[in-house]
């Protein structure tokens, strides 16, 4: 039971991080204003903020790590 909940939590964070990556690279954000209920809208905003924080952490790690480099197209 605990393993399934952990897997679900990891999957939810991965989806949220994917949505944050889409938002940062394209400028298209998930439209939470389509939900009329303020509680659901706030929950979705909090959920998406988790993905944004994970994406920011991963980006910061990549920038400061020697394992990654910036490829410049010519």
PDB file of N, CA and C in Angstrom:
ATOM      1  N   UNK A   1       0.819  -1.193   0.000  1.00  0.00           N
ATOM      2  CA  UNK A   1       0.000   0.000   0.000  1.00  0.00           C
ATOM      3  C   UNK A   1       0.860   1.254   0.000  1.00  0.00           C
ATOM      4  N   UNK A   2       1.894   1.268   0.857  1.00  0.00           N
ATOM      5  CA  UNK A   2       2.779   2.441   0.930  1.00  0.00           C
ATOM      6  C   UNK A   2       3.547   2.614  -0.375  1.00  0.00           C
ATOM      7  N   UNK A   3       3.923   1.490  -0.987  1.00  0.00           N
ATOM      8  CA  UNK A   3       4.648   1.555  -2.251  1.00  0.00           C
ATOM      9  C   UNK A   3       3.805   2.142  -3.370  1.00  0.00           C
ATOM     10  N   UNK A   4       2.517   1.796  -3.403  1.00  0.00           N
ATOM     11  CA  UNK A   4       1.628   2.337  -4.428  1.00  0.00           C
ATOM     12  C   UNK A   4       1.417   3.832  -4.245  1.00  0.00           C
ATOM     13  N   UNK A   5       1.300   4.267  -2.994  1.00  0.00           N
ATOM     14  CA  UNK A   5       1.143   5.703  -2.730  1.00  0.00           C
ATOM     15  C   UNK A   5       2.400   6.473  -3.103  1.00  0.00           C
ATOM     16  N   UNK A   6       3.554   5.879  -2.824  1.00  0.00           N
ATOM     17  CA  UNK A   6       4.815   6.523  -3.191  1.00  0.00           C
ATOM     18  C   UNK A   6       4.921   6.644  -4.702  1.00  0.00           C
ATOM     19  N   UNK A   7       4.575   5.580  -5.401  1.00  0.00           N
ATOM     20  CA  UNK A   7       4.621   5.602  -6.864  1.00  0.00           C
ATOM     21  C   UNK A   7       3.664   6.647  -7.432  1.00  0.00           C
ATOM     22  N   UNK A   8       2.478   6.735  -6.860  1.00  0.00           N
ATOM     23  CA  UNK A   8       1.507   7.728  -7.304  1.00  0.00           C
ATOM     24  C   UNK A   8       2.035   9.146  -7.069  1.00  0.00           C
ATOM     25  N   UNK A   9       2.633   9.372  -5.921  1.00  0.00           N
ATOM     26  CA  UNK A   9       3.183  10.697  -5.615  1.00  0.00           C
ATOM     27  C   UNK A   9       4.302  11.061  -6.587  1.00  0.00           C
ATOM     28  N   UNK A  10       5.174  10.117  -6.888  1.00  0.00           N
ATOM     29  CA  UNK A  10       6.264  10.368  -7.828  1.00  0.00           C
ATOM     30  C   UNK A  10       5.716  10.661  -9.220  1.00  0.00           C
ATOM     31  N   UNK A  11       4.710   9.902  -9.641  1.00  0.00           N
ATOM     32  CA  UNK A  11       4.098  10.135 -10.948  1.00  0.00           C
ATOM     33  C   UNK A  11       3.442  11.513 -11.022  1.00  0.00           C
ATOM     34  N   UNK A  12       2.753  11.906  -9.956  1.00  0.00           N
ATOM     35  CA  UNK A  12       2.112  13.221  -9.945  1.00  0.00           C
ATOM     36  C   UNK A  12       3.138  14.356 -10.003  1.00  0.00           C
ATOM     37  N   UNK A  13       4.244  14.195  -9.304  1.00  0.00           N
ATOM     38  CA  UNK A  13       5.295  15.217  -9.349  1.00  0.00           C
ATOM     39  C   UNK A  13       5.929  15.255 -10.740  1.00  0.00           C
ATOM     40  N   UNK A  14       6.103  14.091 -11.355  1.00  0.00           N
ATOM     41  CA  UNK A  14       6.677  14.051 -12.707  1.00  0.00           C
ATOM     42  C   UNK A  14       5.766  14.753 -13.716  1.00  0.00           C
ATOM     43  N   UNK A  15       4.466  14.544 -13.614  1.00  0.00           N
ATOM     44  CA  UNK A  15       3.525  15.209 -14.521  1.00  0.00           C
ATOM     45  C   UNK A  15       3.531  16.714 -14.290  1.00  0.00           C
ATOM     46  N   UNK A  16       3.565  17.119 -13.042  1.00  0.00           N
ATOM     47  CA  UNK A  16       3.608  18.538 -12.718  1.00  0.00           C
ATOM     48  C   UNK A  16       4.902  19.181 -13.223  1.00  0.00           C
ATOM     49  N   UNK A  17       6.002  18.460 -13.116  1.00  0.00           N
ATOM     50  CA  UNK A  17       7.287  18.965 -13.607  1.00  0.00           C
ATOM     51  C   UNK A  17       7.274  19.073 -15.125  1.00  0.00           C
ATOM     52  N   UNK A  18       6.668  18.107 -15.792  1.00  0.00           N
ATOM     53  CA  UNK A  18       6.525  18.173 -17.243  1.00  0.00           C
ATOM     54  C   UNK A  18       5.724  19.406 -17.652  1.00  0.00           C
ATOM     55  N   UNK A  19       4.630  19.667 -16.962  1.00  0.00           N
ATOM     56  CA  UNK A  19       3.827  20.848 -17.268  1.00  0.00           C
ATOM     57  C   UNK A  19       4.607  22.139 -17.007  1.00  0.00           C
ATOM     58  N   UNK A  20       5.450  22.139 -15.982  1.00  0.00           N
ATOM     59  CA  UNK A  20       6.285  23.317 -15.710  1.00  0.00           C
ATOM     60  C   UNK A  20       7.308  23.510 -16.818  1.00  0.00           C
ATOM     61  N   UNK A  21       7.876  22.420 -17.317  1.00  0.00           N
ATOM     62  CA  UNK A  21       8.829  22.520 -18.428  1.00  0.00           C
ATOM     63  C   UNK A  21       8.173  23.052 -19.679  1.00  0.00           C
ATOM     64  N   UNK A  22       6.956  22.608 -19.952  1.00  0.00           N
ATOM     65  CA  UNK A  22       6.214  23.117 -21.112  1.00  0.00           C
ATOM     66  C   UNK A  22       5.952  24.608 -20.941  1.00  0.00           C
ATOM     67  N   UNK A  23       5.560  24.990 -19.740  1.00  0.00           N
ATOM     68  CA  UNK A  23       5.270  26.402 -19.490  1.00  0.00           C
ATOM     69  C   UNK A  23       6.513  27.270 -19.664  1.00  0.00           C
ATOM     70  N   UNK A  24       7.636  26.791 -19.188  1.00  0.00           N
ATOM     71  CA  UNK A  24       8.854  27.604 -19.285  1.00  0.00           C
ATOM     72  C   UNK A  24       9.425  27.645 -20.696  1.00  0.00           C
ATOM     73  N   UNK A  25       9.301  26.559 -21.437  1.00  0.00           N
ATOM     74  CA  UNK A  25       9.912  26.543 -22.758  1.00  0.00           C
ATOM     75  C   UNK A  25       9.017  27.123 -23.848  1.00  0.00           C
ATOM     76  N   UNK A  26       7.692  27.046 -23.683  1.00  0.00           N
ATOM     77  CA  UNK A  26       6.801  27.546 -24.724  1.00  0.00           C
ATOM     78  C   UNK A  26       6.010  28.772 -24.308  1.00  0.00           C
ATOM     79  N   UNK A  27       5.838  28.977 -23.015  1.00  0.00           N
ATOM     80  CA  UNK A  27       5.018  30.086 -22.537  1.00  0.00           C
ATOM     81  C   UNK A  27       3.553  29.721 -22.369  1.00  0.00           C
ATOM     82  N   UNK A  28       3.185  28.490 -22.727  1.00  0.00           N
ATOM     83  CA  UNK A  28       1.806  28.036 -22.559  1.00  0.00           C
ATOM     84  C   UNK A  28       1.638  27.423 -21.179  1.00  0.00           C
ATOM     85  N   UNK A  29       0.725  27.985 -20.395  1.00  0.00           N
ATOM     86  CA  UNK A  29       0.484  27.535 -19.038  1.00  0.00           C
ATOM     87  C   UNK A  29      -0.858  26.821 -18.949  1.00  0.00           C
ATOM     88  N   UNK A  30      -0.956  25.897 -18.011  1.00  0.00           N
ATOM     89  CA  UNK A  30      -2.219  25.204 -17.763  1.00  0.00           C
ATOM     90  C   UNK A  30      -3.210  26.223 -17.233  1.00  0.00           C
ATOM     91  N   UNK A  31      -4.386  26.269 -17.831  1.00  0.00           N
ATOM     92  CA  UNK A  31      -5.387  27.275 -17.488  1.00  0.00           C
ATOM     93  C   UNK A  31      -6.231  26.798 -16.311  1.00  0.00           C
ATOM     94  N   UNK A  32      -5.867  27.232 -15.118  1.00  0.00           N
ATOM     95  CA  UNK A  32      -6.634  26.853 -13.931  1.00  0.00           C
ATOM     96  C   UNK A  32      -7.877  27.721 -13.759  1.00  0.00           C
ATOM     97  N   UNK A  33      -7.980  28.812 -14.515  1.00  0.00           N
ATOM     98  CA  UNK A  33      -9.146  29.689 -14.408  1.00  0.00           C
ATOM     99  C   UNK A  33     -10.399  29.060 -14.997  1.00  0.00           C
ATOM    100  N   UNK A  34     -10.244  27.958 -15.714  1.00  0.00           N
ATOM    101  CA  UNK A  34     -11.421  27.260 -16.267  1.00  0.00           C
ATOM    102  C   UNK A  34     -12.242  26.585 -15.177  1.00  0.00           C
ATOM    103  N   UNK A  35     -11.644  26.380 -14.003  1.00  0.00           N
ATOM    104  CA  UNK A  35     -12.338  25.736 -12.897  1.00  0.00           C
ATOM    105  C   UNK A  35     -13.028  26.812 -12.066  1.00  0.00           C
ATOM    106  N   UNK A  36     -14.322  26.674 -11.908  1.00  0.00           N
ATOM    107  CA  UNK A  36     -15.098  27.694 -11.196  1.00  0.00           C
ATOM    108  C   UNK A  36     -14.895  27.644  -9.683  1.00  0.00           C
ATOM    109  N   UNK A  37     -14.663  26.454  -9.156  1.00  0.00           N
ATOM    110  CA  UNK A  37     -14.499  26.284  -7.715  1.00  0.00           C
ATOM    111  C   UNK A  37     -13.121  26.797  -7.287  1.00  0.00           C
ATOM    112  N   UNK A  38     -13.114  27.743  -6.370  1.00  0.00           N
ATOM    113  CA  UNK A  38     -11.861  28.353  -5.927  1.00  0.00           C
ATOM    114  C   UNK A  38     -10.960  27.359  -5.200  1.00  0.00           C
ATOM    115  N   UNK A  39     -11.544  26.403  -4.498  1.00  0.00           N
ATOM    116  CA  UNK A  39     -10.740  25.413  -3.773  1.00  0.00           C
ATOM    117  C   UNK A  39      -9.974  24.532  -4.750  1.00  0.00           C
ATOM    118  N   UNK A  40     -10.640  24.068  -5.785  1.00  0.00           N
ATOM    119  CA  UNK A  40      -9.968  23.238  -6.793  1.00  0.00           C
ATOM    120  C   UNK A  40      -8.902  24.044  -7.512  1.00  0.00           C
ATOM    121  N   UNK A  41      -9.221  25.290  -7.834  1.00  0.00           N
ATOM    122  CA  UNK A  41      -8.257  26.152  -8.511  1.00  0.00           C
ATOM    123  C   UNK A  41      -7.009  26.357  -7.652  1.00  0.00           C
ATOM    124  N   UNK A  42      -7.193  26.576  -6.358  1.00  0.00           N
ATOM    125  CA  UNK A  42      -6.047  26.754  -5.459  1.00  0.00           C
ATOM    126  C   UNK A  42      -5.235  25.470  -5.322  1.00  0.00           C
ATOM    127  N   UNK A  43      -5.918  24.324  -5.265  1.00  0.00           N
ATOM    128  CA  UNK A  43      -5.204  23.050  -5.202  1.00  0.00           C
ATOM    129  C   UNK A  43      -4.378  22.820  -6.461  1.00  0.00           C
ATOM    130  N   UNK A  44      -4.959  23.111  -7.621  1.00  0.00           N
ATOM    131  CA  UNK A  44      -4.212  22.959  -8.869  1.00  0.00           C
ATOM    132  C   UNK A  44      -3.032  23.914  -8.939  1.00  0.00           C
ATOM    133  N   UNK A  45      -3.221  25.144  -8.496  1.00  0.00           N
ATOM    134  CA  UNK A  45      -2.106  26.101  -8.487  1.00  0.00           C
ATOM    135  C   UNK A  45      -0.982  25.625  -7.569  1.00  0.00           C
ATOM    136  N   UNK A  46      -1.332  25.078  -6.419  1.00  0.00           N
ATOM    137  CA  UNK A  46      -0.318  24.540  -5.504  1.00  0.00           C
ATOM    138  C   UNK A  46       0.381  23.332  -6.109  1.00  0.00           C
ATOM    139  N   UNK A  47      -0.397  22.473  -6.764  1.00  0.00           N
ATOM    140  CA  UNK A  47       0.163  21.289  -7.422  1.00  0.00           C
ATOM    141  C   UNK A  47       1.133  21.690  -8.532  1.00  0.00           C
ATOM    142  N   UNK A  48       0.759  22.673  -9.335  1.00  0.00           N
ATOM    143  CA  UNK A  48       1.633  23.126 -10.410  1.00  0.00           C
ATOM    144  C   UNK A  48       2.868  23.842  -9.872  1.00  0.00           C
ATOM    145  N   UNK A  49       2.742  24.486  -8.719  1.00  0.00           N
ATOM    146  CA  UNK A  49       3.894  25.153  -8.098  1.00  0.00           C
ATOM    147  C   UNK A  49       4.945  24.131  -7.657  1.00  0.00           C
ATOM    148  N   UNK A  50       4.501  22.954  -7.247  1.00  0.00           N
ATOM    149  CA  UNK A  50       5.454  21.898  -6.874  1.00  0.00           C
ATOM    150  C   UNK A  50       6.298  21.526  -8.082  1.00  0.00           C
ATOM    151  N   UNK A  51       5.663  21.324  -9.222  1.00  0.00           N
ATOM    152  CA  UNK A  51       6.396  20.992 -10.437  1.00  0.00           C
ATOM    153  C   UNK A  51       7.330  22.103 -10.856  1.00  0.00           C
ATOM    154  N   UNK A  52       6.908  23.346 -10.690  1.00  0.00           N
ATOM    155  CA  UNK A  52       7.765  24.476 -11.039  1.00  0.00           C
ATOM    156  C   UNK A  52       9.002  24.516 -10.148  1.00  0.00           C
ATOM    157  N   UNK A  53       8.828  24.223  -8.864  1.00  0.00           N
ATOM    158  CA  UNK A  53       9.967  24.198  -7.950  1.00  0.00           C
ATOM    159  C   UNK A  53      10.924  23.053  -8.281  1.00  0.00           C
ATOM    160  N   UNK A  54      10.381  21.891  -8.612  1.00  0.00           N
ATOM    161  CA  UNK A  54      11.234  20.757  -8.990  1.00  0.00           C
ATOM    162  C   UNK A  54      11.986  21.078 -10.279  1.00  0.00           C
ATOM    163  N   UNK A  55      11.302  21.690 -11.247  1.00  0.00           N
ATOM    164  CA  UNK A  55      11.954  22.058 -12.499  1.00  0.00           C
ATOM    165  C   UNK A  55      13.052  23.093 -12.268  1.00  0.00           C
ATOM    166  N   UNK A  56      12.799  24.061 -11.402  1.00  0.00           N
ATOM    167  CA  UNK A  56      13.811  25.073 -11.088  1.00  0.00           C
ATOM    168  C   UNK A  56      15.017  24.435 -10.407  1.00  0.00           C
ATOM    169  N   UNK A  57      14.779  23.488  -9.506  1.00  0.00           N
ATOM    170  CA  UNK A  57      15.885  22.794  -8.851  1.00  0.00           C
ATOM    171  C   UNK A  57      16.702  21.999  -9.857  1.00  0.00           C
ATOM    172  N   UNK A  58      16.026  21.270 -10.744  1.00  0.00           N
ATOM    173  CA  UNK A  58      16.726  20.468 -11.742  1.00  0.00           C
ATOM    174  C   UNK A  58      17.504  21.352 -12.711  1.00  0.00           C
ATOM    175  N   UNK A  59      16.938  22.481 -13.083  1.00  0.00           N
ATOM    176  CA  UNK A  59      17.629  23.408 -13.972  1.00  0.00           C
ATOM    177  C   UNK A  59      18.854  23.996 -13.298  1.00  0.00           C
ATOM    178  N   UNK A  60      18.724  24.363 -12.044  1.00  0.00           N
ATOM    179  CA  UNK A  60      19.865  24.888 -11.299  1.00  0.00           C
ATOM    180  C   UNK A  60      20.958  23.855 -11.139  1.00  0.00           C
ATOM    181  N   UNK A  61      20.578  22.606 -10.921  1.00  0.00           N
ATOM    182  CA  UNK A  61      21.563  21.535 -10.829  1.00  0.00           C
ATOM    183  C   UNK A  61      22.293  21.368 -12.150  1.00  0.00           C
ATOM    184  N   UNK A  62      21.547  21.400 -13.251  1.00  0.00           N
ATOM    185  CA  UNK A  62      22.166  21.218 -14.566  1.00  0.00           C
ATOM    186  C   UNK A  62      23.132  22.349 -14.891  1.00  0.00           C
ATOM    187  N   UNK A  63      22.785  23.569 -14.517  1.00  0.00           N
ATOM    188  CA  UNK A  63      23.647  24.715 -14.804  1.00  0.00           C
ATOM    189  C   UNK A  63      24.948  24.632 -14.012  1.00  0.00           C
ATOM    190  N   UNK A  64      24.873  24.202 -12.767  1.00  0.00           N
ATOM    191  CA  UNK A  64      26.067  24.202 -11.916  1.00  0.00           C
ATOM    192  C   UNK A  64      26.852  22.895 -11.977  1.00  0.00           C
ATOM    193  N   UNK A  65      26.351  21.901 -12.693  1.00  0.00           N
ATOM    194  CA  UNK A  65      27.008  20.601 -12.744  1.00  0.00           C
ATOM    195  C   UNK A  65      27.953  20.516 -13.935  1.00  0.00           C
ATOM    196  N   UNK A  66      29.014  19.764 -13.756  1.00  0.00           N
ATOM    197  CA  UNK A  66      29.941  19.548 -14.869  1.00  0.00           C
ATOM    198  C   UNK A  66      29.446  18.446 -15.799  1.00  0.00           C
ATOM    199  N   UNK A  67      28.373  17.765 -15.440  1.00  0.00           N
ATOM    200  CA  UNK A  67      27.814  16.713 -16.284  1.00  0.00           C
ATOM    201  C   UNK A  67      27.005  17.270 -17.453  1.00  0.00           C
ATOM    202  N   UNK A  68      26.643  18.554 -17.390  1.00  0.00           N
ATOM    203  CA  UNK A  68      25.837  19.170 -18.433  1.00  0.00           C
ATOM    204  C   UNK A  68      26.600  20.338 -19.040  1.00  0.00           C
ATOM    205  N   UNK A  69      26.344  20.593 -20.318  1.00  0.00           N
ATOM    206  CA  UNK A  69      26.913  21.757 -20.976  1.00  0.00           C
ATOM    207  C   UNK A  69      25.857  22.341 -21.910  1.00  0.00           C
ATOM    208  N   UNK A  70      26.037  23.608 -22.232  1.00  0.00           N
ATOM    209  CA  UNK A  70      25.091  24.278 -23.136  1.00  0.00           C
ATOM    210  C   UNK A  70      25.543  24.077 -24.563  1.00  0.00           C
ATOM    211  N   UNK A  71      24.672  23.514 -25.369  1.00  0.00           N
ATOM    212  CA  UNK A  71      24.972  23.287 -26.766  1.00  0.00           C
ATOM    213  C   UNK A  71      24.471  24.485 -27.557  1.00  0.00           C
ATOM    214  N   UNK A  72      25.363  25.125 -28.266  1.00  0.00           N
ATOM    215  CA  UNK A  72      25.025  26.314 -29.041  1.00  0.00           C
ATOM    216  C   UNK A  72      24.955  25.908 -30.513  1.00  0.00           C
ATOM    217  N   UNK A  73      23.788  26.079 -31.102  1.00  0.00           N
ATOM    218  CA  UNK A  73      23.604  25.745 -32.514  1.00  0.00           C
ATOM    219  C   UNK A  73      24.217  26.832 -33.381  1.00  0.00           C
ATOM    220  N   UNK A  74      24.899  26.408 -34.425  1.00  0.00           N
ATOM    221  CA  UNK A  74      25.522  27.384 -35.324  1.00  0.00           C
ATOM    222  C   UNK A  74      25.062  27.183 -36.725  1.00  0.00           C
TER     223      UNK A  74
END
